[in-house]
Amino acid sequence: MDNPTISDEILKQFKERMRLGDDEDDNLRRILFASNKDLVRVCGNYDLNDDEVFKELVFERSRYVYNDALEYFDKNFLSQINSLSIEKALEEIKVDGE
């Protein structure tokens, strides 16, 4: 397995959503891994396996990558990206302030 952070369950969920077969697993893992890594960098350290909102955003970014339309993702999902970023920043402020 090339990218161990993308579990078989996450891959299965994405393939079901995109209605894809088993012949692209390695490519899909790379796309999901890159999307997860990029969104963690932008939004904060969310767990793909535990946060449904973050997972949805990773799936959406991956869908854009798969369809060669990544240049439209940030604009179309700016609100969700900002919400997650702000939420994570507020969590960190709360922890630091305690």
PDB file of N, CA and C in Angstrom:
ATOM      1  N   MET A   1       0.852  -1.174   0.000  1.00  0.00           N
ATOM      2  CA  MET A   1       0.000   0.000   0.000  1.00  0.00           C
ATOM      3  C   MET A   1       0.900   1.241   0.000  1.00  0.00           C
ATOM      4  N   ASP A   2       0.719   2.104  -0.995  1.00  0.00           N
ATOM      5  CA  ASP A   2       1.571   3.270  -1.175  1.00  0.00           C
ATOM      6  C   ASP A   2       1.351   4.338  -0.116  1.00  0.00           C
ATOM      7  N   ASN A   3       0.105   4.603   0.248  1.00  0.00           N
ATOM      8  CA  ASN A   3      -0.233   5.679   1.178  1.00  0.00           C
ATOM      9  C   ASN A   3      -1.038   5.118   2.344  1.00  0.00           C
ATOM     10  N   PRO A   4      -0.360   4.686   3.402  1.00  0.00           N
ATOM     11  CA  PRO A   4      -1.037   3.995   4.488  1.00  0.00           C
ATOM     12  C   PRO A   4      -2.061   4.841   5.227  1.00  0.00           C
ATOM     13  N   THR A   5      -2.061   6.166   5.077  1.00  0.00           N
ATOM     14  CA  THR A   5      -3.035   6.980   5.786  1.00  0.00           C
ATOM     15  C   THR A   5      -4.415   6.910   5.151  1.00  0.00           C
ATOM     16  N   ILE A   6      -4.519   6.390   3.954  1.00  0.00           N
ATOM     17  CA  ILE A   6      -5.817   6.222   3.307  1.00  0.00           C
ATOM     18  C   ILE A   6      -6.233   4.768   3.523  1.00  0.00           C
ATOM     19  N   SER A   7      -7.173   4.574   4.443  1.00  0.00           N
ATOM     20  CA  SER A   7      -7.597   3.221   4.789  1.00  0.00           C
ATOM     21  C   SER A   7      -8.410   2.614   3.654  1.00  0.00           C
ATOM     22  N   ASP A   8      -8.531   1.306   3.697  1.00  0.00           N
ATOM     23  CA  ASP A   8      -9.347   0.607   2.713  1.00  0.00           C
ATOM     24  C   ASP A   8     -10.795   1.085   2.789  1.00  0.00           C
ATOM     25  N   GLU A   9     -11.269   1.380   3.984  1.00  0.00           N
ATOM     26  CA  GLU A   9     -12.651   1.833   4.157  1.00  0.00           C
ATOM     27  C   GLU A   9     -12.872   3.194   3.499  1.00  0.00           C
ATOM     28  N   ILE A  10     -11.928   4.120   3.675  1.00  0.00           N
ATOM     29  CA  ILE A  10     -12.029   5.436   3.041  1.00  0.00           C
ATOM     30  C   ILE A  10     -12.013   5.278   1.526  1.00  0.00           C
ATOM     31  N   LEU A  11     -11.111   4.463   1.024  1.00  0.00           N
ATOM     32  CA  LEU A  11     -11.043   4.217  -0.419  1.00  0.00           C
ATOM     33  C   LEU A  11     -12.363   3.637  -0.922  1.00  0.00           C
ATOM     34  N   LYS A  12     -12.909   2.670  -0.217  1.00  0.00           N
ATOM     35  CA  LYS A  12     -14.180   2.043  -0.603  1.00  0.00           C
ATOM     36  C   LYS A  12     -15.311   3.068  -0.633  1.00  0.00           C
ATOM     37  N   GLN A  13     -15.373   3.924   0.387  1.00  0.00           N
ATOM     38  CA  GLN A  13     -16.422   4.939   0.443  1.00  0.00           C
ATOM     39  C   GLN A  13     -16.315   5.910  -0.741  1.00  0.00           C
ATOM     40  N   PHE A  14     -15.089   6.323  -1.058  1.00  0.00           N
ATOM     41  CA  PHE A  14     -14.890   7.244  -2.172  1.00  0.00           C
ATOM     42  C   PHE A  14     -15.265   6.579  -3.495  1.00  0.00           C
ATOM     43  N   LYS A  15     -14.851   5.335  -3.691  1.00  0.00           N
ATOM     44  CA  LYS A  15     -15.172   4.628  -4.928  1.00  0.00           C
ATOM     45  C   LYS A  15     -16.678   4.447  -5.085  1.00  0.00           C
ATOM     46  N   GLU A  16     -17.365   4.147  -3.993  1.00  0.00           N
ATOM     47  CA  GLU A  16     -18.819   4.010  -4.056  1.00  0.00           C
ATOM     48  C   GLU A  16     -19.463   5.334  -4.433  1.00  0.00           C
ATOM     49  N   ARG A  17     -18.984   6.400  -3.832  1.00  0.00           N
ATOM     50  CA  ARG A  17     -19.540   7.711  -4.133  1.00  0.00           C
ATOM     51  C   ARG A  17     -19.322   8.091  -5.593  1.00  0.00           C
ATOM     52  N   MET A  18     -18.152   7.782  -6.101  1.00  0.00           N
ATOM     53  CA  MET A  18     -17.799   8.144  -7.477  1.00  0.00           C
ATOM     54  C   MET A  18     -18.229   7.075  -8.490  1.00  0.00           C
ATOM     55  N   ARG A  19     -18.746   5.962  -7.988  1.00  0.00           N
ATOM     56  CA  ARG A  19     -19.166   4.836  -8.836  1.00  0.00           C
ATOM     57  C   ARG A  19     -18.000   4.330  -9.694  1.00  0.00           C
ATOM     58  N   LEU A  20     -16.884   4.054  -9.022  1.00  0.00           N
ATOM     59  CA  LEU A  20     -15.673   3.602  -9.701  1.00  0.00           C
ATOM     60  C   LEU A  20     -15.399   2.142  -9.366  1.00  0.00           C
ATOM     61  N   GLY A  21     -14.711   1.472 -10.265  1.00  0.00           N
ATOM     62  CA  GLY A  21     -14.348   0.076 -10.059  1.00  0.00           C
ATOM     63  C   GLY A  21     -13.022  -0.064  -9.326  1.00  0.00           C
ATOM     64  N   ASP A  22     -12.510  -1.295  -9.320  1.00  0.00           N
ATOM     65  CA  ASP A  22     -11.293  -1.603  -8.575  1.00  0.00           C
ATOM     66  C   ASP A  22     -10.012  -1.376  -9.364  1.00  0.00           C
ATOM     67  N   ASP A  23     -10.108  -1.005 -10.624  1.00  0.00           N
ATOM     68  CA  ASP A  23      -8.920  -0.923 -11.466  1.00  0.00           C
ATOM     69  C   ASP A  23      -8.100   0.347 -11.247  1.00  0.00           C
ATOM     70  N   GLU A  24      -8.559   1.273 -10.416  1.00  0.00           N
ATOM     71  CA  GLU A  24      -7.840   2.534 -10.229  1.00  0.00           C
ATOM     72  C   GLU A  24      -7.410   2.766  -8.781  1.00  0.00           C
ATOM     73  N   ASP A  25      -7.331   1.727  -7.986  1.00  0.00           N
ATOM     74  CA  ASP A  25      -7.067   1.885  -6.556  1.00  0.00           C
ATOM     75  C   ASP A  25      -5.817   2.707  -6.249  1.00  0.00           C
ATOM     76  N   ASP A  26      -4.704   2.400  -6.898  1.00  0.00           N
ATOM     77  CA  ASP A  26      -3.464   3.128  -6.604  1.00  0.00           C
ATOM     78  C   ASP A  26      -3.597   4.611  -6.924  1.00  0.00           C
ATOM     79  N   ASN A  27      -4.176   4.927  -8.075  1.00  0.00           N
ATOM     80  CA  ASN A  27      -4.377   6.318  -8.457  1.00  0.00           C
ATOM     81  C   ASN A  27      -5.313   7.025  -7.481  1.00  0.00           C
ATOM     82  N   LEU A  28      -6.396   6.367  -7.100  1.00  0.00           N
ATOM     83  CA  LEU A  28      -7.349   6.976  -6.162  1.00  0.00           C
ATOM     84  C   LEU A  28      -6.725   7.193  -4.793  1.00  0.00           C
ATOM     85  N   ARG A  29      -5.915   6.247  -4.338  1.00  0.00           N
ATOM     86  CA  ARG A  29      -5.213   6.435  -3.050  1.00  0.00           C
ATOM     87  C   ARG A  29      -4.300   7.659  -3.106  1.00  0.00           C
ATOM     88  N   ARG A  30      -3.581   7.817  -4.217  1.00  0.00           N
ATOM     89  CA  ARG A  30      -2.692   8.977  -4.372  1.00  0.00           C
ATOM     90  C   ARG A  30      -3.498  10.279  -4.341  1.00  0.00           C
ATOM     91  N   ILE A  31      -4.626  10.290  -5.048  1.00  0.00           N
ATOM     92  CA  ILE A  31      -5.473  11.481  -5.077  1.00  0.00           C
ATOM     93  C   ILE A  31      -6.012  11.790  -3.687  1.00  0.00           C
ATOM     94  N   LEU A  32      -6.540  10.776  -3.000  1.00  0.00           N
ATOM     95  CA  LEU A  32      -7.080  10.974  -1.650  1.00  0.00           C
ATOM     96  C   LEU A  32      -5.995  11.419  -0.675  1.00  0.00           C
ATOM     97  N   PHE A  33      -4.812  10.806  -0.782  1.00  0.00           N
ATOM     98  CA  PHE A  33      -3.694  11.169   0.083  1.00  0.00           C
ATOM     99  C   PHE A  33      -3.306  12.634  -0.120  1.00  0.00           C
ATOM    100  N   ALA A  34      -3.164  13.048  -1.374  1.00  0.00           N
ATOM    101  CA  ALA A  34      -2.781  14.429  -1.681  1.00  0.00           C
ATOM    102  C   ALA A  34      -3.857  15.410  -1.224  1.00  0.00           C
ATOM    103  N   SER A  35      -5.115  15.052  -1.417  1.00  0.00           N
ATOM    104  CA  SER A  35      -6.209  15.926  -0.991  1.00  0.00           C
ATOM    105  C   SER A  35      -6.234  16.054   0.525  1.00  0.00           C
ATOM    106  N   ASN A  36      -6.072  14.937   1.219  1.00  0.00           N
ATOM    107  CA  ASN A  36      -6.031  14.962   2.678  1.00  0.00           C
ATOM    108  C   ASN A  36      -4.866  15.827   3.162  1.00  0.00           C
ATOM    109  N   LYS A  37      -3.699  15.611   2.600  1.00  0.00           N
ATOM    110  CA  LYS A  37      -2.504  16.358   3.011  1.00  0.00           C
ATOM    111  C   LYS A  37      -2.683  17.859   2.777  1.00  0.00           C
ATOM    112  N   ASP A  38      -3.202  18.230   1.619  1.00  0.00           N
ATOM    113  CA  ASP A  38      -3.397  19.638   1.303  1.00  0.00           C
ATOM    114  C   ASP A  38      -4.419  20.278   2.245  1.00  0.00           C
ATOM    115  N   LEU A  39      -5.521  19.590   2.504  1.00  0.00           N
ATOM    116  CA  LEU A  39      -6.552  20.173   3.360  1.00  0.00           C
ATOM    117  C   LEU A  39      -6.142  20.213   4.827  1.00  0.00           C
ATOM    118  N   VAL A  40      -5.328  19.275   5.278  1.00  0.00           N
ATOM    119  CA  VAL A  40      -4.782  19.362   6.637  1.00  0.00           C
ATOM    120  C   VAL A  40      -3.891  20.597   6.734  1.00  0.00           C
ATOM    121  N   ARG A  41      -3.109  20.849   5.697  1.00  0.00           N
ATOM    122  CA  ARG A  41      -2.232  22.026   5.678  1.00  0.00           C
ATOM    123  C   ARG A  41      -3.049  23.308   5.756  1.00  0.00           C
ATOM    124  N   VAL A  42      -4.156  23.369   5.039  1.00  0.00           N
ATOM    125  CA  VAL A  42      -4.970  24.572   4.958  1.00  0.00           C
ATOM    126  C   VAL A  42      -5.938  24.710   6.140  1.00  0.00           C
ATOM    127  N   CYS A  43      -6.576  23.620   6.511  1.00  0.00           N
ATOM    128  CA  CYS A  43      -7.664  23.668   7.500  1.00  0.00           C
ATOM    129  C   CYS A  43      -7.224  23.329   8.915  1.00  0.00           C
ATOM    130  N   GLY A  44      -6.139  22.607   9.053  1.00  0.00           N
ATOM    131  CA  GLY A  44      -5.713  22.153  10.367  1.00  0.00           C
ATOM    132  C   GLY A  44      -5.718  20.634  10.413  1.00  0.00           C
ATOM    133  N   ASN A  45      -5.261  20.108  11.513  1.00  0.00           N
ATOM    134  CA  ASN A  45      -5.054  18.673  11.639  1.00  0.00           C
ATOM    135  C   ASN A  45      -6.348  17.940  11.995  1.00  0.00           C
ATOM    136  N   TYR A  46      -7.161  17.678  10.999  1.00  0.00           N
ATOM    137  CA  TYR A  46      -8.385  16.895  11.167  1.00  0.00           C
ATOM    138  C   TYR A  46      -8.097  15.444  10.817  1.00  0.00           C
ATOM    139  N   ASP A  47      -8.836  14.531  11.419  1.00  0.00           N
ATOM    140  CA  ASP A  47      -8.682  13.110  11.145  1.00  0.00           C
ATOM    141  C   ASP A  47      -9.722  12.688  10.116  1.00  0.00           C
ATOM    142  N   LEU A  48      -9.254  12.231   8.998  1.00  0.00           N
ATOM    143  CA  LEU A  48     -10.105  11.808   7.891  1.00  0.00           C
ATOM    144  C   LEU A  48     -11.078  10.707   8.309  1.00  0.00           C
ATOM    145  N   ASN A  49     -10.673   9.883   9.249  1.00  0.00           N
ATOM    146  CA  ASN A  49     -11.503   8.758   9.672  1.00  0.00           C
ATOM    147  C   ASN A  49     -12.547   9.139  10.709  1.00  0.00           C
ATOM    148  N   ASP A  50     -12.378  10.279  11.379  1.00  0.00           N
ATOM    149  CA  ASP A  50     -13.259  10.639  12.494  1.00  0.00           C
ATOM    150  C   ASP A  50     -14.126  11.864  12.253  1.00  0.00           C
ATOM    151  N   ASP A  51     -13.796  12.669  11.284  1.00  0.00           N
ATOM    152  CA  ASP A  51     -14.536  13.907  11.066  1.00  0.00           C
ATOM    153  C   ASP A  51     -15.242  13.857   9.714  1.00  0.00           C
ATOM    154  N   GLU A  52     -16.559  13.720   9.753  1.00  0.00           N
ATOM    155  CA  GLU A  52     -17.340  13.561   8.518  1.00  0.00           C
ATOM    156  C   GLU A  52     -17.296  14.810   7.629  1.00  0.00           C
ATOM    157  N   VAL A  53     -17.285  15.985   8.234  1.00  0.00           N
ATOM    158  CA  VAL A  53     -17.247  17.222   7.446  1.00  0.00           C
ATOM    159  C   VAL A  53     -15.916  17.321   6.700  1.00  0.00           C
ATOM    160  N   PHE A  54     -14.827  17.037   7.403  1.00  0.00           N
ATOM    161  CA  PHE A  54     -13.510  17.065   6.772  1.00  0.00           C
ATOM    162  C   PHE A  54     -13.420  15.994   5.689  1.00  0.00           C
ATOM    163  N   LYS A  55     -13.914  14.799   5.975  1.00  0.00           N
ATOM    164  CA  LYS A  55     -13.876  13.716   4.985  1.00  0.00           C
ATOM    165  C   LYS A  55     -14.642  14.122   3.729  1.00  0.00           C
ATOM    166  N   GLU A  56     -15.788  14.737   3.904  1.00  0.00           N
ATOM    167  CA  GLU A  56     -16.581  15.192   2.765  1.00  0.00           C
ATOM    168  C   GLU A  56     -15.775  16.172   1.905  1.00  0.00           C
ATOM    169  N   LEU A  57     -15.054  17.077   2.552  1.00  0.00           N
ATOM    170  CA  LEU A  57     -14.238  18.048   1.828  1.00  0.00           C
ATOM    171  C   LEU A  57     -13.092  17.351   1.086  1.00  0.00           C
ATOM    172  N   VAL A  58     -12.467  16.377   1.725  1.00  0.00           N
ATOM    173  CA  VAL A  58     -11.406  15.605   1.060  1.00  0.00           C
ATOM    174  C   VAL A  58     -11.976  14.870  -0.158  1.00  0.00           C
ATOM    175  N   PHE A  59     -13.157  14.281  -0.003  1.00  0.00           N
ATOM    176  CA  PHE A  59     -13.784  13.590  -1.128  1.00  0.00           C
ATOM    177  C   PHE A  59     -14.098  14.562  -2.261  1.00  0.00           C
ATOM    178  N   GLU A  60     -14.600  15.734  -1.919  1.00  0.00           N
ATOM    179  CA  GLU A  60     -14.916  16.721  -2.955  1.00  0.00           C
ATOM    180  C   GLU A  60     -13.659  17.167  -3.688  1.00  0.00           C
ATOM    181  N   ARG A  61     -12.581  17.452  -2.947  1.00  0.00           N
ATOM    182  CA  ARG A  61     -11.333  17.852  -3.595  1.00  0.00           C
ATOM    183  C   ARG A  61     -10.826  16.728  -4.490  1.00  0.00           C
ATOM    184  N   SER A  62     -10.925  15.504  -3.997  1.00  0.00           N
ATOM    185  CA  SER A  62     -10.480  14.349  -4.777  1.00  0.00           C
ATOM    186  C   SER A  62     -11.313  14.190  -6.043  1.00  0.00           C
ATOM    187  N   ARG A  63     -12.592  14.456  -5.952  1.00  0.00           N
ATOM    188  CA  ARG A  63     -13.468  14.394  -7.132  1.00  0.00           C
ATOM    189  C   ARG A  63     -13.021  15.422  -8.167  1.00  0.00           C
ATOM    190  N   TYR A  64     -12.691  16.623  -7.705  1.00  0.00           N
ATOM    191  CA  TYR A  64     -12.216  17.662  -8.625  1.00  0.00           C
ATOM    192  C   TYR A  64     -10.903  17.240  -9.271  1.00  0.00           C
ATOM    193  N   VAL A  65      -9.994  16.675  -8.492  1.00  0.00           N
ATOM    194  CA  VAL A  65      -8.719  16.213  -9.056  1.00  0.00           C
ATOM    195  C   VAL A  65      -8.977  15.126 -10.089  1.00  0.00           C
ATOM    196  N   TYR A  66      -9.788  14.163  -9.732  1.00  0.00           N
ATOM    197  CA  TYR A  66     -10.076  13.040 -10.634  1.00  0.00           C
ATOM    198  C   TYR A  66     -10.659  13.527 -11.960  1.00  0.00           C
ATOM    199  N   ASN A  67     -11.454  14.571 -11.905  1.00  0.00           N
ATOM    200  CA  ASN A  67     -12.093  15.108 -13.110  1.00  0.00           C
ATOM    201  C   ASN A  67     -11.313  16.261 -13.735  1.00  0.00           C
ATOM    202  N   ASP A  68     -10.038  16.410 -13.373  1.00  0.00           N
ATOM    203  CA  ASP A  68      -9.153  17.439 -13.916  1.00  0.00           C
ATOM    204  C   ASP A  68      -9.750  18.847 -13.804  1.00  0.00           C
ATOM    205  N   ALA A  69     -10.308  19.151 -12.651  1.00  0.00           N
ATOM    206  CA  ALA A  69     -10.919  20.467 -12.437  1.00  0.00           C
ATOM    207  C   ALA A  69     -10.478  21.086 -11.110  1.00  0.00           C
ATOM    208  N   LEU A  70      -9.286  20.734 -10.639  1.00  0.00           N
ATOM    209  CA  LEU A  70      -8.830  21.199  -9.331  1.00  0.00           C
ATOM    210  C   LEU A  70      -8.813  22.721  -9.221  1.00  0.00           C
ATOM    211  N   GLU A  71      -8.576  23.409 -10.326  1.00  0.00           N
ATOM    212  CA  GLU A  71      -8.504  24.876 -10.281  1.00  0.00           C
ATOM    213  C   GLU A  71      -9.812  25.507  -9.808  1.00  0.00           C
ATOM    214  N   TYR A  72     -10.911  24.779  -9.834  1.00  0.00           N
ATOM    215  CA  TYR A  72     -12.205  25.319  -9.395  1.00  0.00           C
ATOM    216  C   TYR A  72     -12.559  24.968  -7.948  1.00  0.00           C
ATOM    217  N   PHE A  73     -11.806  24.065  -7.358  1.00  0.00           N
ATOM    218  CA  PHE A  73     -12.162  23.573  -6.020  1.00  0.00           C
ATOM    219  C   PHE A  73     -12.139  24.668  -4.955  1.00  0.00           C
ATOM    220  N   ASP A  74     -11.025  25.388  -4.841  1.00  0.00           N
ATOM    221  CA  ASP A  74     -10.900  26.391  -3.782  1.00  0.00           C
ATOM    222  C   ASP A  74     -12.026  27.421  -3.834  1.00  0.00           C
ATOM    223  N   LYS A  75     -12.334  27.910  -5.013  1.00  0.00           N
ATOM    224  CA  LYS A  75     -13.395  28.906  -5.155  1.00  0.00           C
ATOM    225  C   LYS A  75     -14.754  28.322  -4.763  1.00  0.00           C
ATOM    226  N   ASN A  76     -15.039  27.128  -5.223  1.00  0.00           N
ATOM    227  CA  ASN A  76     -16.347  26.524  -4.972  1.00  0.00           C
ATOM    228  C   ASN A  76     -16.542  26.058  -3.537  1.00  0.00           C
ATOM    229  N   PHE A  77     -15.461  25.813  -2.817  1.00  0.00           N
ATOM    230  CA  PHE A  77     -15.564  25.301  -1.450  1.00  0.00           C
ATOM    231  C   PHE A  77     -14.900  26.223  -0.435  1.00  0.00           C
ATOM    232  N   LEU A  78     -14.724  27.485  -0.804  1.00  0.00           N
ATOM    233  CA  LEU A  78     -14.060  28.439   0.083  1.00  0.00           C
ATOM    234  C   LEU A  78     -14.756  28.552   1.434  1.00  0.00           C
ATOM    235  N   SER A  79     -16.058  28.580   1.433  1.00  0.00           N
ATOM    236  CA  SER A  79     -16.814  28.703   2.676  1.00  0.00           C
ATOM    237  C   SER A  79     -16.532  27.533   3.628  1.00  0.00           C
ATOM    238  N   GLN A  80     -16.566  26.309   3.109  1.00  0.00           N
ATOM    239  CA  GLN A  80     -16.304  25.138   3.939  1.00  0.00           C
ATOM    240  C   GLN A  80     -14.853  25.097   4.415  1.00  0.00           C
ATOM    241  N   ILE A  81     -13.936  25.460   3.541  1.00  0.00           N
ATOM    242  CA  ILE A  81     -12.515  25.487   3.907  1.00  0.00           C
ATOM    243  C   ILE A  81     -12.299  26.496   5.030  1.00  0.00           C
ATOM    244  N   ASN A  82     -12.863  27.689   4.871  1.00  0.00           N
ATOM    245  CA  ASN A  82     -12.714  28.719   5.899  1.00  0.00           C
ATOM    246  C   ASN A  82     -13.355  28.297   7.214  1.00  0.00           C
ATOM    247  N   SER A  83     -14.519  27.670   7.145  1.00  0.00           N
ATOM    248  CA  SER A  83     -15.196  27.230   8.370  1.00  0.00           C
ATOM    249  C   SER A  83     -14.347  26.236   9.151  1.00  0.00           C
ATOM    250  N   LEU A  84     -13.777  25.266   8.457  1.00  0.00           N
ATOM    251  CA  LEU A  84     -12.919  24.298   9.140  1.00  0.00           C
ATOM    252  C   LEU A  84     -11.668  24.958   9.700  1.00  0.00           C
ATOM    253  N   SER A  85     -11.082  25.871   8.944  1.00  0.00           N
ATOM    254  CA  SER A  85      -9.877  26.578   9.410  1.00  0.00           C
ATOM    255  C   SER A  85     -10.168  27.384  10.665  1.00  0.00           C
ATOM    256  N   ILE A  86     -11.278  28.093  10.658  1.00  0.00           N
ATOM    257  CA  ILE A  86     -11.657  28.914  11.814  1.00  0.00           C
ATOM    258  C   ILE A  86     -11.964  28.025  13.012  1.00  0.00           C
ATOM    259  N   GLU A  87     -12.702  26.946  12.780  1.00  0.00           N
ATOM    260  CA  GLU A  87     -13.026  26.019  13.863  1.00  0.00           C
ATOM    261  C   GLU A  87     -11.766  25.479  14.528  1.00  0.00           C
ATOM    262  N   LYS A  88     -10.785  25.091  13.720  1.00  0.00           N
ATOM    263  CA  LYS A  88      -9.536  24.547  14.266  1.00  0.00           C
ATOM    264  C   LYS A  88      -8.759  25.632  15.005  1.00  0.00           C
ATOM    265  N   ALA A  89      -8.740  26.843  14.473  1.00  0.00           N
ATOM    266  CA  ALA A  89      -8.035  27.942  15.140  1.00  0.00           C
ATOM    267  C   ALA A  89      -8.672  28.249  16.492  1.00  0.00           C
ATOM    268  N   LEU A  90      -9.995  28.244  16.544  1.00  0.00           N
ATOM    269  CA  LEU A  90     -10.689  28.500  17.816  1.00  0.00           C
ATOM    270  C   LEU A  90     -10.432  27.396  18.828  1.00  0.00           C
ATOM    271  N   GLU A  91     -10.357  26.155  18.371  1.00  0.00           N
ATOM    272  CA  GLU A  91     -10.017  25.035  19.263  1.00  0.00           C
ATOM    273  C   GLU A  91      -8.636  25.249  19.863  1.00  0.00           C
ATOM    274  N   GLU A  92      -7.685  25.660  19.038  1.00  0.00           N
ATOM    275  CA  GLU A  92      -6.313  25.859  19.515  1.00  0.00           C
ATOM    276  C   GLU A  92      -6.225  27.026  20.482  1.00  0.00           C
ATOM    277  N   ILE A  93      -6.984  28.081  20.222  1.00  0.00           N
ATOM    278  CA  ILE A  93      -6.997  29.227  21.140  1.00  0.00           C
ATOM    279  C   ILE A  93      -7.583  28.799  22.483  1.00  0.00           C
ATOM    280  N   LYS A  94      -8.661  28.035  22.433  1.00  0.00           N
ATOM    281  CA  LYS A  94      -9.305  27.556  23.657  1.00  0.00           C
ATOM    282  C   LYS A  94      -8.347  26.694  24.476  1.00  0.00           C
ATOM    283  N   VAL A  95      -7.627  25.782  23.818  1.00  0.00           N
ATOM    284  CA  VAL A  95      -6.681  24.909  24.510  1.00  0.00           C
ATOM    285  C   VAL A  95      -5.542  25.723  25.099  1.00  0.00           C
ATOM    286  N   ASP A  96      -5.011  26.680  24.345  1.00  0.00           N
ATOM    287  CA  ASP A  96      -3.916  27.518  24.837  1.00  0.00           C
ATOM    288  C   ASP A  96      -4.354  28.418  25.982  1.00  0.00           C
ATOM    289  N   GLY A  97      -5.623  28.829  25.958  1.00  0.00           N
ATOM    290  CA  GLY A  97      -6.128  29.743  26.971  1.00  0.00           C
ATOM    291  C   GLY A  97      -6.542  29.071  28.272  1.00  0.00           C
ATOM    292  N   GLU A  98      -6.617  27.765  28.294  1.00  0.00           N
ATOM    293  CA  GLU A  98      -7.044  27.062  29.514  1.00  0.00           C
ATOM    294  C   GLU A  98      -5.948  26.965  30.522  1.00  0.00           C
TER     295      GLU A  98
END
